[in-house]
Amino acid sequence: RVGHWTDEVGLTGCTVVLCPPGTVGSGEIRGGAPGTRETDL
């Protein structure tokens, strides 16, 4: 499932992806200017 929160005045927002039970996850960060949380795990 996917949900948005949008600030049309400040021109910013966020988007969440909700996972079903048992979803396995991984990831990869590249480039010189990332901003992340809980990605080491």
PDB file of all heavy atoms in Angstrom:
ATOM      1  N   ARG A   1       0.840  -1.193   0.000  1.00  0.00           N
ATOM      2  CA  ARG A   1       0.000   0.000   0.000  1.00  0.00           C
ATOM      3  C   ARG A   1       0.877   1.246   0.000  1.00  0.00           C
ATOM      4  O   ARG A   1       1.972   1.240   0.561  1.00  0.00           O
ATOM      5  CB  ARG A   1      -0.919   0.012   1.224  1.00  0.00           C
ATOM      6  CG  ARG A   1      -1.982  -1.082   1.214  1.00  0.00           C
ATOM      7  CD  ARG A   1      -2.829  -1.028   2.480  1.00  0.00           C
ATOM      8  NE  ARG A   1      -2.065  -1.459   3.640  1.00  0.00           N
ATOM      9  CZ  ARG A   1      -2.367  -1.114   4.895  1.00  0.00           C
ATOM     10  NH1 ARG A   1      -3.402  -0.315   5.141  1.00  0.00           N
ATOM     11  NH2 ARG A   1      -1.643  -1.564   5.903  1.00  0.00           N
ATOM     12  N   VAL A   2       0.383   2.303  -0.611  1.00  0.00           N
ATOM     13  CA  VAL A   2       1.148   3.553  -0.737  1.00  0.00           C
ATOM     14  C   VAL A   2       0.275   4.717  -0.296  1.00  0.00           C
ATOM     15  O   VAL A   2      -0.912   4.796  -0.647  1.00  0.00           O
ATOM     16  CB  VAL A   2       1.608   3.775  -2.191  1.00  0.00           C
ATOM     17  CG1 VAL A   2       2.259   5.163  -2.351  1.00  0.00           C
ATOM     18  CG2 VAL A   2       2.590   2.688  -2.602  1.00  0.00           C
ATOM     19  N   GLY A   3       0.877   5.630   0.473  1.00  0.00           N
ATOM     20  CA  GLY A   3       0.164   6.832   0.902  1.00  0.00           C
ATOM     21  C   GLY A   3       1.040   8.061   0.792  1.00  0.00           C
ATOM     22  O   GLY A   3       2.255   7.984   0.997  1.00  0.00           O
ATOM     23  N   HIS A   4       0.421   9.201   0.447  1.00  0.00           N
ATOM     24  CA  HIS A   4       1.136  10.476   0.343  1.00  0.00           C
ATOM     25  C   HIS A   4       0.656  11.452   1.409  1.00  0.00           C
ATOM     26  O   HIS A   4      -0.521  11.442   1.804  1.00  0.00           O
ATOM     27  CB  HIS A   4       0.871  11.151  -1.011  1.00  0.00           C
ATOM     28  CG  HIS A   4       1.326  10.369  -2.204  1.00  0.00           C
ATOM     29  ND1 HIS A   4       2.623   9.978  -2.403  1.00  0.00           N
ATOM     30  CD2 HIS A   4       0.632   9.947  -3.296  1.00  0.00           C
ATOM     31  CE1 HIS A   4       2.715   9.339  -3.560  1.00  0.00           C
ATOM     32  NE2 HIS A   4       1.522   9.307  -4.114  1.00  0.00           N
ATOM     33  N   TRP A   5       1.543  12.327   1.821  1.00  0.00           N
ATOM     34  CA  TRP A   5       1.183  13.558   2.527  1.00  0.00           C
ATOM     35  C   TRP A   5       1.815  14.696   1.752  1.00  0.00           C
ATOM     36  O   TRP A   5       3.007  14.659   1.447  1.00  0.00           O
ATOM     37  CB  TRP A   5       1.707  13.554   3.962  1.00  0.00           C
ATOM     38  CG  TRP A   5       1.446  14.863   4.664  1.00  0.00           C
ATOM     39  CD1 TRP A   5       0.310  15.238   5.322  1.00  0.00           C
ATOM     40  CD2 TRP A   5       2.347  15.974   4.772  1.00  0.00           C
ATOM     41  NE1 TRP A   5       0.447  16.511   5.827  1.00  0.00           N
ATOM     42  CE2 TRP A   5       1.689  16.994   5.503  1.00  0.00           C
ATOM     43  CE3 TRP A   5       3.645  16.207   4.319  1.00  0.00           C
ATOM     44  CZ2 TRP A   5       2.283  18.218   5.788  1.00  0.00           C
ATOM     45  CZ3 TRP A   5       4.247  17.430   4.591  1.00  0.00           C
ATOM     46  CH2 TRP A   5       3.576  18.422   5.320  1.00  0.00           C
ATOM     47  N   THR A   6       1.027  15.699   1.389  1.00  0.00           N
ATOM     48  CA  THR A   6       1.490  16.762   0.511  1.00  0.00           C
ATOM     49  C   THR A   6       1.220  18.124   1.120  1.00  0.00           C
ATOM     50  O   THR A   6       0.098  18.407   1.558  1.00  0.00           O
ATOM     51  CB  THR A   6       0.774  16.676  -0.853  1.00  0.00           C
ATOM     52  OG1 THR A   6       1.022  15.388  -1.437  1.00  0.00           O
ATOM     53  CG2 THR A   6       1.256  17.749  -1.800  1.00  0.00           C
ATOM     54  N   ASP A   7       2.242  18.959   1.144  1.00  0.00           N
ATOM     55  CA  ASP A   7       2.120  20.361   1.546  1.00  0.00           C
ATOM     56  C   ASP A   7       2.186  21.195   0.278  1.00  0.00           C
ATOM     57  O   ASP A   7       3.266  21.469  -0.244  1.00  0.00           O
ATOM     58  CB  ASP A   7       3.253  20.732   2.505  1.00  0.00           C
ATOM     59  CG  ASP A   7       3.192  22.187   2.972  1.00  0.00           C
ATOM     60  OD1 ASP A   7       2.367  22.965   2.438  1.00  0.00           O
ATOM     61  OD2 ASP A   7       3.990  22.551   3.858  1.00  0.00           O
ATOM     62  N   GLU A   8       1.034  21.609  -0.238  1.00  0.00           N
ATOM     63  CA  GLU A   8       0.983  22.336  -1.501  1.00  0.00           C
ATOM     64  C   GLU A   8       1.418  23.784  -1.363  1.00  0.00           C
ATOM     65  O   GLU A   8       1.698  24.445  -2.367  1.00  0.00           O
ATOM     66  CB  GLU A   8      -0.437  22.268  -2.075  1.00  0.00           C
ATOM     67  CG  GLU A   8      -0.866  20.853  -2.458  1.00  0.00           C
ATOM     68  CD  GLU A   8      -2.257  20.807  -3.033  1.00  0.00           C
ATOM     69  OE1 GLU A   8      -2.976  21.825  -2.914  1.00  0.00           O
ATOM     70  OE2 GLU A   8      -2.633  19.755  -3.592  1.00  0.00           O
ATOM     71  N   VAL A   9       1.491  24.295  -0.149  1.00  0.00           N
ATOM     72  CA  VAL A   9       1.946  25.667   0.084  1.00  0.00           C
ATOM     73  C   VAL A   9       3.461  25.702   0.272  1.00  0.00           C
ATOM     74  O   VAL A   9       4.171  26.450  -0.390  1.00  0.00           O
ATOM     75  CB  VAL A   9       1.234  26.276   1.306  1.00  0.00           C
ATOM     76  CG1 VAL A   9       1.781  27.683   1.598  1.00  0.00           C
ATOM     77  CG2 VAL A   9      -0.270  26.328   1.070  1.00  0.00           C
ATOM     78  N   GLY A  10       3.969  24.876   1.178  1.00  0.00           N
ATOM     79  CA  GLY A  10       5.411  24.811   1.412  1.00  0.00           C
ATOM     80  C   GLY A  10       6.170  24.055   0.347  1.00  0.00           C
ATOM     81  O   GLY A  10       7.390  24.102   0.290  1.00  0.00           O
ATOM     82  N   LEU A  11       5.430  23.331  -0.516  1.00  0.00           N
ATOM     83  CA  LEU A  11       6.000  22.539  -1.609  1.00  0.00           C
ATOM     84  C   LEU A  11       6.977  21.487  -1.098  1.00  0.00           C
ATOM     85  O   LEU A  11       8.167  21.452  -1.443  1.00  0.00           O
ATOM     86  CB  LEU A  11       6.662  23.443  -2.653  1.00  0.00           C
ATOM     87  CG  LEU A  11       5.702  24.387  -3.385  1.00  0.00           C
ATOM     88  CD1 LEU A  11       6.457  25.238  -4.391  1.00  0.00           C
ATOM     89  CD2 LEU A  11       4.585  23.613  -4.072  1.00  0.00           C
ATOM     90  N   THR A  12       6.464  20.624  -0.263  1.00  0.00           N
ATOM     91  CA  THR A  12       7.215  19.475   0.225  1.00  0.00           C
ATOM     92  C   THR A  12       6.210  18.378   0.550  1.00  0.00           C
ATOM     93  O   THR A  12       5.005  18.556   0.417  1.00  0.00           O
ATOM     94  CB  THR A  12       8.078  19.841   1.449  1.00  0.00           C
ATOM     95  OG1 THR A  12       8.970  18.757   1.757  1.00  0.00           O
ATOM     96  CG2 THR A  12       7.222  20.157   2.664  1.00  0.00           C
ATOM     97  N   GLY A  13       6.701  17.228   0.954  1.00  0.00           N
ATOM     98  CA  GLY A  13       5.793  16.140   1.288  1.00  0.00           C
ATOM     99  C   GLY A  13       6.536  14.857   1.549  1.00  0.00           C
ATOM    100  O   GLY A  13       7.787  14.805   1.517  1.00  0.00           O
ATOM    101  N   CYS A  14       5.798  13.793   1.814  1.00  0.00           N
ATOM    102  CA  CYS A  14       6.408  12.486   2.033  1.00  0.00           C
ATOM    103  C   CYS A  14       5.483  11.405   1.496  1.00  0.00           C
ATOM    104  O   CYS A  14       4.282  11.613   1.315  1.00  0.00           O
ATOM    105  CB  CYS A  14       6.734  12.248   3.508  1.00  0.00           C
ATOM    106  SG  CYS A  14       5.311  12.213   4.627  1.00  0.00           S
ATOM    107  N   THR A  15       6.067  10.243   1.251  1.00  0.00           N
ATOM    108  CA  THR A  15       5.355   9.096   0.692  1.00  0.00           C
ATOM    109  C   THR A  15       5.780   7.848   1.443  1.00  0.00           C
ATOM    110  O   THR A  15       6.986   7.624   1.644  1.00  0.00           O
ATOM    111  CB  THR A  15       5.678   8.941  -0.804  1.00  0.00           C
ATOM    112  OG1 THR A  15       5.248  10.115  -1.508  1.00  0.00           O
ATOM    113  CG2 THR A  15       4.992   7.724  -1.390  1.00  0.00           C
ATOM    114  N   VAL A  16       4.822   7.044   1.850  1.00  0.00           N
ATOM    115  CA  VAL A  16       5.128   5.824   2.580  1.00  0.00           C
ATOM    116  C   VAL A  16       4.680   4.608   1.782  1.00  0.00           C
ATOM    117  O   VAL A  16       3.650   4.638   1.106  1.00  0.00           O
ATOM    118  CB  VAL A  16       4.461   5.827   3.978  1.00  0.00           C
ATOM    119  CG1 VAL A  16       2.945   5.768   3.872  1.00  0.00           C
ATOM    120  CG2 VAL A  16       4.989   4.693   4.836  1.00  0.00           C
ATOM    121  N   VAL A  17       5.489   3.566   1.838  1.00  0.00           N
ATOM    122  CA  VAL A  17       5.141   2.263   1.278  1.00  0.00           C
ATOM    123  C   VAL A  17       4.976   1.305   2.455  1.00  0.00           C
ATOM    124  O   VAL A  17       5.941   1.048   3.181  1.00  0.00           O
ATOM    125  CB  VAL A  17       6.226   1.744   0.314  1.00  0.00           C
ATOM    126  CG1 VAL A  17       5.850   0.359  -0.222  1.00  0.00           C
ATOM    127  CG2 VAL A  17       6.452   2.720  -0.823  1.00  0.00           C
ATOM    128  N   LEU A  18       3.765   0.810   2.657  1.00  0.00           N
ATOM    129  CA  LEU A  18       3.499  -0.135   3.737  1.00  0.00           C
ATOM    130  C   LEU A  18       3.577  -1.556   3.188  1.00  0.00           C
ATOM    131  O   LEU A  18       3.024  -1.854   2.129  1.00  0.00           O
ATOM    132  CB  LEU A  18       2.106   0.113   4.323  1.00  0.00           C
ATOM    133  CG  LEU A  18       1.889   1.490   4.962  1.00  0.00           C
ATOM    134  CD1 LEU A  18       0.452   1.601   5.468  1.00  0.00           C
ATOM    135  CD2 LEU A  18       2.878   1.726   6.098  1.00  0.00           C
ATOM    136  N   CYS A  19       4.268  -2.414   3.927  1.00  0.00           N
ATOM    137  CA  CYS A  19       4.561  -3.773   3.450  1.00  0.00           C
ATOM    138  C   CYS A  19       3.654  -4.799   4.123  1.00  0.00           C
ATOM    139  O   CYS A  19       3.323  -4.659   5.303  1.00  0.00           O
ATOM    140  CB  CYS A  19       6.016  -4.133   3.769  1.00  0.00           C
ATOM    141  SG  CYS A  19       7.224  -2.919   3.200  1.00  0.00           S
ATOM    142  N   PRO A  20       3.286  -5.858   3.397  1.00  0.00           N
ATOM    143  CA  PRO A  20       2.541  -6.949   4.036  1.00  0.00           C
ATOM    144  C   PRO A  20       3.456  -7.726   4.977  1.00  0.00           C
ATOM    145  O   PRO A  20       4.693  -7.643   4.867  1.00  0.00           O
ATOM    146  CB  PRO A  20       2.093  -7.798   2.852  1.00  0.00           C
ATOM    147  CG  PRO A  20       3.090  -7.524   1.783  1.00  0.00           C
ATOM    148  CD  PRO A  20       3.509  -6.093   1.968  1.00  0.00           C
ATOM    149  N   PRO A  21       2.891  -8.496   5.910  1.00  0.00           N
ATOM    150  CA  PRO A  21       3.709  -9.272   6.852  1.00  0.00           C
ATOM    151  C   PRO A  21       4.681 -10.200   6.124  1.00  0.00           C
ATOM    152  O   PRO A  21       4.354 -10.783   5.092  1.00  0.00           O
ATOM    153  CB  PRO A  21       2.662 -10.071   7.638  1.00  0.00           C
ATOM    154  CG  PRO A  21       1.414  -9.261   7.532  1.00  0.00           C
ATOM    155  CD  PRO A  21       1.447  -8.642   6.166  1.00  0.00           C
ATOM    156  N   GLY A  22       5.875 -10.315   6.676  1.00  0.00           N
ATOM    157  CA  GLY A  22       6.874 -11.221   6.137  1.00  0.00           C
ATOM    158  C   GLY A  22       7.690 -10.672   4.984  1.00  0.00           C
ATOM    159  O   GLY A  22       8.481 -11.411   4.380  1.00  0.00           O
ATOM    160  N   THR A  23       7.546  -9.391   4.674  1.00  0.00           N
ATOM    161  CA  THR A  23       8.300  -8.805   3.561  1.00  0.00           C
ATOM    162  C   THR A  23       9.783  -8.704   3.897  1.00  0.00           C
ATOM    163  O   THR A  23      10.165  -8.141   4.924  1.00  0.00           O
ATOM    164  CB  THR A  23       7.760  -7.400   3.218  1.00  0.00           C
ATOM    165  OG1 THR A  23       6.405  -7.519   2.791  1.00  0.00           O
ATOM    166  CG2 THR A  23       8.576  -6.751   2.120  1.00  0.00           C
ATOM    167  N   VAL A  24      10.607  -9.262   3.019  1.00  0.00           N
ATOM    168  CA  VAL A  24      12.064  -9.194   3.166  1.00  0.00           C
ATOM    169  C   VAL A  24      12.561  -7.949   2.439  1.00  0.00           C
ATOM    170  O   VAL A  24      12.072  -7.617   1.352  1.00  0.00           O
ATOM    171  CB  VAL A  24      12.733 -10.461   2.591  1.00  0.00           C
ATOM    172  CG1 VAL A  24      14.257 -10.349   2.655  1.00  0.00           C
ATOM    173  CG2 VAL A  24      12.245 -11.688   3.344  1.00  0.00           C
ATOM    174  N   GLY A  25      13.540  -7.246   3.020  1.00  0.00           N
ATOM    175  CA  GLY A  25      14.002  -6.010   2.397  1.00  0.00           C
ATOM    176  C   GLY A  25      15.506  -5.855   2.412  1.00  0.00           C
ATOM    177  O   GLY A  25      16.214  -6.382   3.274  1.00  0.00           O
ATOM    178  N   SER A  26      16.008  -5.136   1.416  1.00  0.00           N
ATOM    179  CA  SER A  26      17.412  -4.758   1.362  1.00  0.00           C
ATOM    180  C   SER A  26      17.498  -3.437   0.592  1.00  0.00           C
ATOM    181  O   SER A  26      16.464  -2.836   0.254  1.00  0.00           O
ATOM    182  CB  SER A  26      18.259  -5.841   0.691  1.00  0.00           C
ATOM    183  OG  SER A  26      19.643  -5.545   0.816  1.00  0.00           O
ATOM    184  N   GLY A  27      18.712  -2.988   0.316  1.00  0.00           N
ATOM    185  CA  GLY A  27      18.850  -1.729  -0.395  1.00  0.00           C
ATOM    186  C   GLY A  27      20.289  -1.411  -0.709  1.00  0.00           C
ATOM    187  O   GLY A  27      21.218  -2.080  -0.249  1.00  0.00           O
ATOM    188  N   GLU A  28      20.466  -0.364  -1.520  1.00  0.00           N
ATOM    189  CA  GLU A  28      21.790   0.064  -1.948  1.00  0.00           C
ATOM    190  C   GLU A  28      21.797   1.587  -2.080  1.00  0.00           C
ATOM    191  O   GLU A  28      20.902   2.169  -2.701  1.00  0.00           O
ATOM    192  CB  GLU A  28      22.155  -0.578  -3.291  1.00  0.00           C
ATOM    193  CG  GLU A  28      23.446  -0.098  -3.913  1.00  0.00           C
ATOM    194  CD  GLU A  28      24.697  -0.690  -3.264  1.00  0.00           C
ATOM    195  OE1 GLU A  28      24.542  -1.521  -2.337  1.00  0.00           O
ATOM    196  OE2 GLU A  28      25.806  -0.327  -3.687  1.00  0.00           O
ATOM    197  N   ILE A  29      22.814   2.222  -1.497  1.00  0.00           N
ATOM    198  CA  ILE A  29      22.965   3.671  -1.547  1.00  0.00           C
ATOM    199  C   ILE A  29      24.187   4.002  -2.393  1.00  0.00           C
ATOM    200  O   ILE A  29      25.268   3.450  -2.174  1.00  0.00           O
ATOM    201  CB  ILE A  29      23.143   4.256  -0.142  1.00  0.00           C
ATOM    202  CG1 ILE A  29      21.945   3.889   0.741  1.00  0.00           C
ATOM    203  CG2 ILE A  29      23.314   5.775  -0.206  1.00  0.00           C
ATOM    204  CD1 ILE A  29      22.165   4.174   2.202  1.00  0.00           C
ATOM    205  N   ARG A  30      24.014   4.918  -3.336  1.00  0.00           N
ATOM    206  CA  ARG A  30      25.115   5.341  -4.192  1.00  0.00           C
ATOM    207  C   ARG A  30      25.069   6.850  -4.384  1.00  0.00           C
ATOM    208  O   ARG A  30      24.033   7.475  -4.191  1.00  0.00           O
ATOM    209  CB  ARG A  30      25.053   4.644  -5.548  1.00  0.00           C
ATOM    210  CG  ARG A  30      25.272   3.151  -5.481  1.00  0.00           C
ATOM    211  CD  ARG A  30      25.264   2.536  -6.871  1.00  0.00           C
ATOM    212  NE  ARG A  30      25.477   1.098  -6.806  1.00  0.00           N
ATOM    213  CZ  ARG A  30      25.475   0.306  -7.878  1.00  0.00           C
ATOM    214  NH1 ARG A  30      25.281   0.821  -9.089  1.00  0.00           N
ATOM    215  NH2 ARG A  30      25.664  -0.985  -7.740  1.00  0.00           N
ATOM    216  N   GLY A  31      26.197   7.413  -4.818  1.00  0.00           N
ATOM    217  CA  GLY A  31      26.281   8.848  -4.977  1.00  0.00           C
ATOM    218  C   GLY A  31      26.882   9.491  -3.745  1.00  0.00           C
ATOM    219  O   GLY A  31      27.013   8.862  -2.686  1.00  0.00           O
ATOM    220  N   GLY A  32      27.245  10.755  -3.859  1.00  0.00           N
ATOM    221  CA  GLY A  32      28.013  11.413  -2.809  1.00  0.00           C
ATOM    222  C   GLY A  32      27.217  12.176  -1.786  1.00  0.00           C
ATOM    223  O   GLY A  32      27.799  12.737  -0.857  1.00  0.00           O
ATOM    224  N   ALA A  33      25.862  12.228  -1.916  1.00  0.00           N
ATOM    225  CA  ALA A  33      25.101  13.085  -1.005  1.00  0.00           C
ATOM    226  C   ALA A  33      23.804  12.433  -0.539  1.00  0.00           C
ATOM    227  O   ALA A  33      22.721  12.972  -0.738  1.00  0.00           O
ATOM    228  CB  ALA A  33      24.801  14.411  -1.692  1.00  0.00           C
ATOM    229  N   PRO A  34      23.890  11.260   0.105  1.00  0.00           N
ATOM    230  CA  PRO A  34      22.655  10.610   0.556  1.00  0.00           C
ATOM    231  C   PRO A  34      22.178  11.150   1.901  1.00  0.00           C
ATOM    232  O   PRO A  34      22.951  11.725   2.672  1.00  0.00           O
ATOM    233  CB  PRO A  34      23.084   9.138   0.693  1.00  0.00           C
ATOM    234  CG  PRO A  34      24.524   9.233   1.107  1.00  0.00           C
ATOM    235  CD  PRO A  34      25.080  10.438   0.369  1.00  0.00           C
ATOM    236  N   GLY A  35      20.899  10.938   2.168  1.00  0.00           N
ATOM    237  CA  GLY A  35      20.330  11.226   3.476  1.00  0.00           C
ATOM    238  C   GLY A  35      19.398  10.092   3.839  1.00  0.00           C
ATOM    239  O   GLY A  35      18.336   9.944   3.220  1.00  0.00           O
ATOM    240  N   THR A  36      19.768   9.273   4.813  1.00  0.00           N
ATOM    241  CA  THR A  36      19.008   8.047   5.082  1.00  0.00           C
ATOM    242  C   THR A  36      18.885   7.754   6.571  1.00  0.00           C
ATOM    243  O   THR A  36      19.577   8.338   7.409  1.00  0.00           O
ATOM    244  CB  THR A  36      19.677   6.831   4.412  1.00  0.00           C
ATOM    245  OG1 THR A  36      20.995   6.673   4.956  1.00  0.00           O
ATOM    246  CG2 THR A  36      19.768   7.016   2.910  1.00  0.00           C
ATOM    247  N   ARG A  37      18.009   6.805   6.862  1.00  0.00           N
ATOM    248  CA  ARG A  37      17.795   6.338   8.237  1.00  0.00           C
ATOM    249  C   ARG A  37      17.492   4.840   8.174  1.00  0.00           C
ATOM    250  O   ARG A  37      16.753   4.383   7.301  1.00  0.00           O
ATOM    251  CB  ARG A  37      16.625   7.116   8.851  1.00  0.00           C
ATOM    252  CG  ARG A  37      16.041   6.534  10.124  1.00  0.00           C
ATOM    253  CD  ARG A  37      15.005   7.483  10.699  1.00  0.00           C
ATOM    254  NE  ARG A  37      14.177   6.834  11.714  1.00  0.00           N
ATOM    255  CZ  ARG A  37      13.440   7.491  12.595  1.00  0.00           C
ATOM    256  NH1 ARG A  37      13.425   8.807  12.589  1.00  0.00           N
ATOM    257  NH2 ARG A  37      12.707   6.832  13.472  1.00  0.00           N
ATOM    258  N   GLU A  38      18.065   4.076   9.099  1.00  0.00           N
ATOM    259  CA  GLU A  38      17.821   2.636   9.208  1.00  0.00           C
ATOM    260  C   GLU A  38      18.174   1.877   7.930  1.00  0.00           C
ATOM    261  O   GLU A  38      17.525   0.885   7.596  1.00  0.00           O
ATOM    262  CB  GLU A  38      16.352   2.365   9.582  1.00  0.00           C
ATOM    263  CG  GLU A  38      15.976   2.826  10.978  1.00  0.00           C
ATOM    264  CD  GLU A  38      16.357   1.834  12.065  1.00  0.00           C
ATOM    265  OE1 GLU A  38      17.498   1.340  12.023  1.00  0.00           O
ATOM    266  OE2 GLU A  38      15.525   1.559  12.929  1.00  0.00           O
ATOM    267  N   THR A  39      19.199   2.330   7.212  1.00  0.00           N
ATOM    268  CA  THR A  39      19.580   1.620   5.993  1.00  0.00           C
ATOM    269  C   THR A  39      20.747   0.651   6.226  1.00  0.00           C
ATOM    270  O   THR A  39      20.919  -0.278   5.436  1.00  0.00           O
ATOM    271  CB  THR A  39      19.957   2.608   4.878  1.00  0.00           C
ATOM    272  OG1 THR A  39      20.886   3.566   5.386  1.00  0.00           O
ATOM    273  CG2 THR A  39      18.728   3.329   4.356  1.00  0.00           C
ATOM    274  N   ASP A  40      21.513   0.834   7.287  1.00  0.00           N
ATOM    275  CA  ASP A  40      22.590  -0.120   7.571  1.00  0.00           C
ATOM    276  C   ASP A  40      22.036  -1.526   7.794  1.00  0.00           C
ATOM    277  O   ASP A  40      22.668  -2.523   7.420  1.00  0.00           O
ATOM    278  CB  ASP A  40      23.392   0.314   8.801  1.00  0.00           C
ATOM    279  CG  ASP A  40      24.413   1.388   8.477  1.00  0.00           C
ATOM    280  OD1 ASP A  40      24.639   1.641   7.279  1.00  0.00           O
ATOM    281  OD2 ASP A  40      24.983   1.982   9.415  1.00  0.00           O
ATOM    282  N   LEU A  41      20.859  -1.625   8.397  1.00  0.00           N
ATOM    283  CA  LEU A  41      20.298  -2.949   8.686  1.00  0.00           C
ATOM    284  C   LEU A  41      19.811  -3.669   7.434  1.00  0.00           C
ATOM    285  O   LEU A  41      19.477  -4.849   7.483  1.00  0.00           O
ATOM    286  CB  LEU A  41      19.160  -2.840   9.703  1.00  0.00           C
ATOM    287  CG  LEU A  41      17.958  -1.947   9.396  1.00  0.00           C
ATOM    288  CD1 LEU A  41      16.990  -2.563   8.418  1.00  0.00           C
ATOM    289  CD2 LEU A  41      17.226  -1.608  10.691  1.00  0.00           C
TER     290      LEU A  41
END
